[in-house]
Amino acid sequence: MRIGIVILPDQRWSDSRRRWQQADDWGFDHAWTYDHLGWRDLVDGPWFDSVTTLTAAATVTSRIRLGTLVASPNFRHPAAFARQVTALDDVSGGRLLLGLGAGGIGFDSAVLGGETLPPRQRVDRFAEFTELLDLVLREDGTTWRGEWFSAVDARNNPGCVQTPRVPFVMAANGPRSMRLAARFGQGWVTTGPSVDDLGAWWDGVAQAATLMDKTLAAAGRDPGTLDRYLSLDSAPVFSLRSADFFADQVGRAATLGFTDVVTHWPRVSSWYAGDEAVLADVATRLLPELRRA
């Protein structure tokens, strides 16, 4: 079991730098940030760019893997984004994990003045975004004309440090997105269902894991070749409400076959409100044991 942590990009670097360094020092396996132009009710507060934040984090860490959770086509074009991904993989020395998703509704889907797409069209766009991004990251001189994106002789020189490209960790909760994860992903991340009951949430996570097993089998892919990430804090209870509760949630994820879990750095209020002392207790006392779960 590998354990990761999300550090929201809602603090100035003079404050958040400590968190990224601490996550590295504590031994977390991966650290992530959200890739949004603004997020939910935090849109009116401080918010910073994910790629710039991860680049800064790469310069003050040495071991931990770094990633977006998740980048989407809401405001990104594959050809331009590929250049940023290539640079970030280079600066981090090949430690980048690229979380990708279809993109939800809200500020990101409205701020550029475009229409809000229904779910089916968002997945259509995500499929094309992923295929083109994969192609540009692997091959130099890509020309493409699709329904959602176009590229003319898009370059990738010198290419990613990781070969044949950075790993894609694909967000997927439904059948079509899972098929994309089976085709393009080195990892799959799920948030489970949107429910208010913790038991029902775990039931939904189990169903998603079973559906992914079936999807991989239908694609003829060895299930051992796909890392499985679970975003624990998509549950109706914050995973770091206590150290014992966190350990229990990690154990349940392991039982369902997940290879990785992700929690969030506690905030003072609102989303992921909690006590940093609990995080410190988990990191210093339980992390080595939990990683053997």
Protein backbone atom coordinates (compact mmCIF):
# COMPACT_ATOMS: atom_id res chain seq x y z
CA MET A 1 0.00 0.00 0.00
CA ARG A 2 1.27 3.43 -1.00
CA ILE A 3 -0.09 6.51 0.74
CA GLY A 4 -0.37 9.98 -0.73
CA ILE A 5 -1.54 13.40 0.36
CA VAL A 6 -3.23 16.32 -1.37
CA ILE A 7 -2.01 19.84 -0.59
CA LEU A 8 -4.51 22.35 -1.92
CA PRO A 9 -2.98 25.32 -3.78
CA ASP A 10 -4.73 27.83 -1.50
CA GLN A 11 -1.72 29.27 0.34
CA ARG A 12 1.15 31.46 -0.72
CA TRP A 13 4.32 29.53 -1.43
CA SER A 14 5.99 31.03 1.63
CA ASP A 15 3.45 29.06 3.69
CA SER A 16 2.83 25.95 1.58
CA ARG A 17 6.51 25.17 0.94
CA ARG A 18 6.77 23.70 4.44
CA ARG A 19 3.96 21.26 3.72
CA TRP A 20 5.53 19.86 0.56
CA GLN A 21 8.88 19.45 2.27
CA GLN A 22 7.25 17.85 5.29
CA ALA A 23 5.34 15.36 3.15
CA ASP A 24 8.64 14.36 1.54
CA ASP A 25 10.42 14.09 4.88
CA TRP A 26 7.63 12.05 6.47
CA GLY A 27 7.82 9.45 3.73
CA PHE A 28 4.54 9.84 1.89
CA ASP A 29 4.72 8.09 -1.45
CA HIS A 30 3.05 10.80 -3.50
CA ALA A 31 1.77 14.36 -3.06
CA TRP A 32 -0.87 16.02 -5.22
CA THR A 33 -2.61 19.30 -5.81
CA TYR A 34 -5.87 20.23 -7.51
CA ASP A 35 -5.77 21.47 -11.10
CA HIS A 36 -8.48 24.13 -11.11
CA LEU A 37 -8.81 27.82 -11.89
CA GLY A 38 -11.03 27.99 -8.83
CA TRP A 39 -12.74 25.33 -6.75
CA ARG A 40 -16.20 25.27 -5.20
CA ASP A 41 -16.73 27.83 -2.43
CA LEU A 42 -12.97 28.40 -2.16
CA VAL A 43 -13.11 30.30 -5.46
CA ASP A 44 -13.37 33.58 -3.56
CA GLY A 45 -10.23 32.93 -1.54
CA PRO A 46 -6.55 32.53 -2.46
CA TRP A 47 -5.85 29.99 -5.21
CA PHE A 48 -2.72 29.25 -7.24
CA ASP A 49 -1.82 27.41 -10.44
CA SER A 50 -1.14 23.70 -10.13
CA VAL A 51 1.73 23.36 -12.62
CA THR A 52 3.65 26.26 -11.10
CA THR A 53 3.00 24.90 -7.61
CA LEU A 54 4.22 21.42 -8.54
CA THR A 55 7.30 22.87 -10.23
CA ALA A 56 8.15 24.75 -7.04
CA ALA A 57 7.46 21.59 -5.01
CA ALA A 58 9.82 19.63 -7.24
CA THR A 59 12.67 21.98 -6.38
CA VAL A 60 12.28 21.56 -2.60
CA THR A 61 11.67 17.78 -2.53
CA SER A 62 13.87 14.91 -3.57
CA ARG A 63 11.99 11.62 -3.35
CA ILE A 64 8.21 11.97 -3.29
CA ARG A 65 6.22 11.64 -6.50
CA LEU A 66 4.18 14.70 -7.48
CA GLY A 67 0.92 14.95 -9.35
CA THR A 68 -2.26 16.67 -10.47
CA LEU A 69 -5.50 15.37 -8.99
CA VAL A 70 -6.77 15.87 -11.62
CA ALA A 71 -6.05 17.86 -14.79
CA SER A 72 -8.94 18.13 -17.23
CA PRO A 73 -9.88 19.52 -20.65
CA ASN A 74 -12.08 22.17 -19.02
CA PHE A 75 -9.35 24.71 -19.70
CA ARG A 76 -6.40 22.73 -21.09
CA HIS A 77 -5.37 21.92 -24.66
CA PRO A 78 -3.32 18.73 -25.10
CA ALA A 79 -0.62 20.29 -27.29
CA ALA A 80 0.07 23.18 -24.91
CA PHE A 81 -0.35 21.04 -21.79
CA ALA A 82 2.13 18.49 -23.14
CA ARG A 83 4.85 21.15 -23.07
CA GLN A 84 4.10 21.89 -19.41
CA VAL A 85 4.01 18.20 -18.55
CA THR A 86 7.35 17.61 -20.27
CA ALA A 87 8.95 20.51 -18.40
CA LEU A 88 7.54 19.42 -15.05
CA ASP A 89 8.70 15.85 -15.54
CA ASP A 90 12.16 17.20 -16.33
CA VAL A 91 12.33 19.56 -13.33
CA SER A 92 11.14 16.79 -10.99
CA GLY A 93 13.65 14.28 -12.32
CA GLY A 94 10.94 11.92 -13.54
CA ARG A 95 8.73 12.05 -10.44
CA LEU A 96 5.56 13.30 -12.11
CA LEU A 97 2.25 11.42 -11.95
CA LEU A 98 -0.36 12.93 -14.24
CA GLY A 99 -3.87 12.61 -12.86
CA LEU A 100 -6.43 13.18 -15.62
CA GLY A 101 -10.21 13.51 -15.50
CA ALA A 102 -13.17 14.56 -17.62
CA GLY A 103 -13.72 17.82 -15.72
CA GLY A 104 -16.80 18.69 -13.74
CA ILE A 105 -19.20 21.60 -13.86
CA GLY A 106 -18.67 24.79 -11.92
CA PHE A 107 -16.17 27.62 -12.08
CA ASP A 108 -13.67 25.86 -14.37
CA SER A 109 -16.31 25.05 -16.94
CA ALA A 110 -17.76 28.56 -16.93
CA VAL A 111 -14.88 31.01 -16.40
CA LEU A 112 -13.72 30.95 -20.03
CA GLY A 113 -17.23 31.67 -21.27
CA GLY A 114 -17.94 28.29 -22.84
CA GLU A 115 -21.08 26.24 -22.46
CA THR A 116 -21.45 23.72 -19.65
CA LEU A 117 -21.39 20.29 -21.25
CA PRO A 118 -23.61 17.37 -20.20
CA PRO A 119 -21.86 14.24 -18.87
CA ARG A 120 -21.80 12.33 -22.17
CA GLN A 121 -20.13 15.16 -24.04
CA ARG A 122 -17.63 15.72 -21.23
CA VAL A 123 -16.55 12.09 -21.53
CA ASP A 124 -16.40 12.41 -25.34
CA ARG A 125 -14.09 15.39 -24.94
CA PHE A 126 -12.05 13.58 -22.26
CA ALA A 127 -11.51 10.61 -24.58
CA GLU A 128 -10.16 12.84 -27.33
CA PHE A 129 -8.10 14.91 -24.89
CA THR A 130 -6.45 11.77 -23.48
CA GLU A 131 -5.73 10.21 -26.86
CA LEU A 132 -4.17 13.37 -28.25
CA LEU A 133 -2.16 14.09 -25.09
CA ASP A 134 -0.83 10.53 -25.14
CA LEU A 135 0.17 10.90 -28.78
CA VAL A 136 1.90 14.28 -28.38
CA LEU A 137 3.84 13.09 -25.32
CA ARG A 138 5.09 10.00 -27.14
CA GLU A 139 5.67 11.25 -30.68
CA ASP A 140 7.18 14.38 -32.17
CA GLY A 141 5.32 16.24 -34.89
CA THR A 142 1.68 15.32 -34.25
CA THR A 143 -1.05 16.58 -36.54
CA TRP A 144 -4.62 15.99 -35.41
CA ARG A 145 -8.07 17.25 -36.20
CA GLY A 146 -10.88 16.04 -34.00
CA GLU A 147 -14.25 17.17 -32.75
CA TRP A 148 -12.82 18.96 -29.72
CA PHE A 149 -9.13 19.61 -30.42
CA SER A 150 -6.77 20.26 -33.30
CA ALA A 151 -2.97 20.17 -33.54
CA VAL A 152 -0.61 20.91 -36.41
CA ASP A 153 2.91 19.48 -36.19
CA ALA A 154 2.83 19.59 -32.36
CA ARG A 155 6.33 18.98 -31.00
CA ASN A 156 7.47 17.16 -27.88
CA ASN A 157 11.27 17.37 -28.13
CA PRO A 158 13.05 16.38 -25.88
CA GLY A 159 10.21 14.23 -24.56
CA CYS A 160 9.52 13.10 -21.02
CA VAL A 161 12.16 11.82 -18.63
CA GLN A 162 9.88 8.84 -17.97
CA THR A 163 9.40 6.63 -21.00
CA PRO A 164 7.46 6.29 -23.16
CA ARG A 165 5.75 9.19 -21.29
CA VAL A 166 4.69 10.21 -17.80
CA PRO A 167 2.21 7.80 -16.15
CA PHE A 168 -1.46 8.68 -16.55
CA VAL A 169 -3.61 8.17 -13.44
CA MET A 170 -7.11 8.21 -14.88
CA ALA A 171 -10.11 9.35 -12.84
CA ALA A 172 -13.05 7.10 -13.64
CA ASN A 173 -16.27 6.15 -11.90
CA GLY A 174 -18.34 5.01 -14.87
CA PRO A 175 -17.98 2.39 -17.61
CA ARG A 176 -16.77 4.67 -20.44
CA SER A 177 -14.12 6.40 -18.35
CA MET A 178 -13.00 3.04 -17.00
CA ARG A 179 -12.47 1.81 -20.53
CA LEU A 180 -10.28 4.86 -21.12
CA ALA A 181 -8.32 4.01 -17.96
CA ALA A 182 -7.85 0.45 -19.18
CA ARG A 183 -6.55 1.72 -22.51
CA PHE A 184 -4.34 4.64 -21.48
CA GLY A 185 -3.80 4.51 -17.74
CA GLN A 186 -0.91 3.32 -15.66
CA GLY A 187 -3.18 4.07 -12.72
CA TRP A 188 -6.89 4.43 -11.97
CA VAL A 189 -8.33 6.74 -9.31
CA THR A 190 -11.88 6.69 -8.03
CA THR A 191 -13.82 8.90 -5.66
CA GLY A 192 -16.60 6.40 -5.11
CA PRO A 193 -20.27 7.45 -5.08
CA SER A 194 -21.65 10.74 -3.81
CA VAL A 195 -23.57 9.56 -0.75
CA ASP A 196 -24.01 10.66 2.87
CA ASP A 197 -23.57 7.26 4.52
CA LEU A 198 -20.06 5.85 5.02
CA GLY A 199 -21.16 2.24 4.66
CA ALA A 200 -22.97 3.02 1.42
CA TRP A 201 -19.86 4.80 0.17
CA TRP A 202 -17.70 1.75 0.77
CA ASP A 203 -20.32 -0.43 -0.95
CA GLY A 204 -20.07 1.87 -3.97
CA VAL A 205 -16.27 1.73 -3.93
CA ALA A 206 -16.43 -2.07 -3.90
CA GLN A 207 -18.78 -2.02 -6.87
CA ALA A 208 -16.42 0.32 -8.75
CA ALA A 209 -13.48 -2.01 -8.06
CA THR A 210 -15.46 -4.96 -9.39
CA LEU A 211 -16.45 -3.01 -12.50
CA MET A 212 -12.81 -2.12 -13.12
CA ASP A 213 -11.87 -5.81 -12.84
CA LYS A 214 -14.47 -6.62 -15.49
CA THR A 215 -13.31 -3.72 -17.68
CA LEU A 216 -9.71 -4.89 -17.59
CA ALA A 217 -10.75 -8.44 -18.38
CA ALA A 218 -12.80 -7.27 -21.36
CA ALA A 219 -9.79 -5.27 -22.58
CA GLY A 220 -7.50 -8.28 -22.19
CA ARG A 221 -5.29 -6.40 -19.77
CA ASP A 222 -3.48 -7.92 -16.81
CA PRO A 223 -5.03 -6.30 -13.68
CA GLY A 224 -1.61 -6.25 -12.06
CA THR A 225 -0.45 -3.63 -14.59
CA LEU A 226 -2.88 -0.96 -13.34
CA ASP A 227 -2.27 0.80 -10.02
CA ARG A 228 -5.49 1.54 -8.13
CA TYR A 229 -5.89 4.80 -6.22
CA LEU A 230 -8.72 5.61 -3.82
CA SER A 231 -9.45 9.20 -2.77
CA LEU A 232 -10.41 8.52 0.84
CA ASP A 233 -11.80 11.98 1.51
CA SER A 234 -14.52 11.63 -1.10
CA ALA A 235 -16.24 9.62 1.62
CA PRO A 236 -18.74 11.49 3.84
CA VAL A 237 -16.25 11.35 6.76
CA PHE A 238 -12.79 12.98 6.65
CA SER A 239 -10.20 10.21 6.76
CA LEU A 240 -7.97 12.10 9.22
CA ARG A 241 -10.61 12.61 11.90
CA SER A 242 -8.37 10.34 14.01
CA ALA A 243 -5.30 8.19 13.46
CA ASP A 244 -7.20 4.99 14.25
CA PHE A 245 -9.97 5.88 11.81
CA PHE A 246 -7.43 6.57 9.08
CA ALA A 247 -5.75 3.21 9.69
CA ASP A 248 -9.13 1.49 9.41
CA GLN A 249 -9.91 3.21 6.11
CA VAL A 250 -6.54 2.22 4.65
CA GLY A 251 -7.16 -1.37 5.70
CA ARG A 252 -10.56 -1.41 4.01
CA ALA A 253 -9.04 -0.03 0.81
CA ALA A 254 -6.35 -2.72 0.84
CA THR A 255 -8.99 -5.42 1.25
CA LEU A 256 -10.67 -4.20 -1.93
CA GLY A 257 -7.42 -4.43 -3.87
CA PHE A 258 -6.38 -0.77 -3.93
CA THR A 259 -2.64 -0.22 -4.20
CA ASP A 260 -2.72 3.47 -3.24
CA VAL A 261 -4.82 5.77 -1.07
CA VAL A 262 -4.87 9.55 -0.94
CA THR A 263 -5.83 11.83 1.94
CA HIS A 264 -5.78 15.63 2.31
CA TRP A 265 -3.69 17.96 4.40
CA PRO A 266 -6.11 19.20 7.09
CA ARG A 267 -7.42 22.73 6.70
CA VAL A 268 -8.58 25.09 9.41
CA SER A 269 -12.18 25.17 8.16
CA SER A 270 -14.51 24.25 5.31
CA TRP A 271 -13.33 21.41 3.08
CA TYR A 272 -11.08 18.85 4.79
CA ALA A 273 -11.24 20.69 8.11
CA GLY A 274 -9.15 18.85 10.68
CA ASP A 275 -6.22 18.85 13.05
CA GLU A 276 -2.65 18.81 11.72
CA ALA A 277 -1.68 16.93 14.89
CA VAL A 278 -3.62 13.92 13.61
CA LEU A 279 -1.72 14.06 10.33
CA ALA A 280 1.58 14.26 12.20
CA ASP A 281 0.59 11.27 14.34
CA VAL A 282 -0.32 9.22 11.28
CA ALA A 283 2.88 10.20 9.48
CA THR A 284 5.31 9.60 12.34
CA ARG A 285 3.69 6.68 14.14
CA LEU A 286 1.54 4.76 11.67
CA LEU A 287 2.84 5.43 8.17
CA PRO A 288 5.50 2.67 8.08
CA GLU A 289 2.97 0.12 9.33
CA LEU A 290 0.16 1.26 7.03
CA ARG A 291 2.39 1.02 3.98
CA ARG A 292 2.73 -2.68 4.74
CA ALA A 293 -1.07 -3.12 4.90
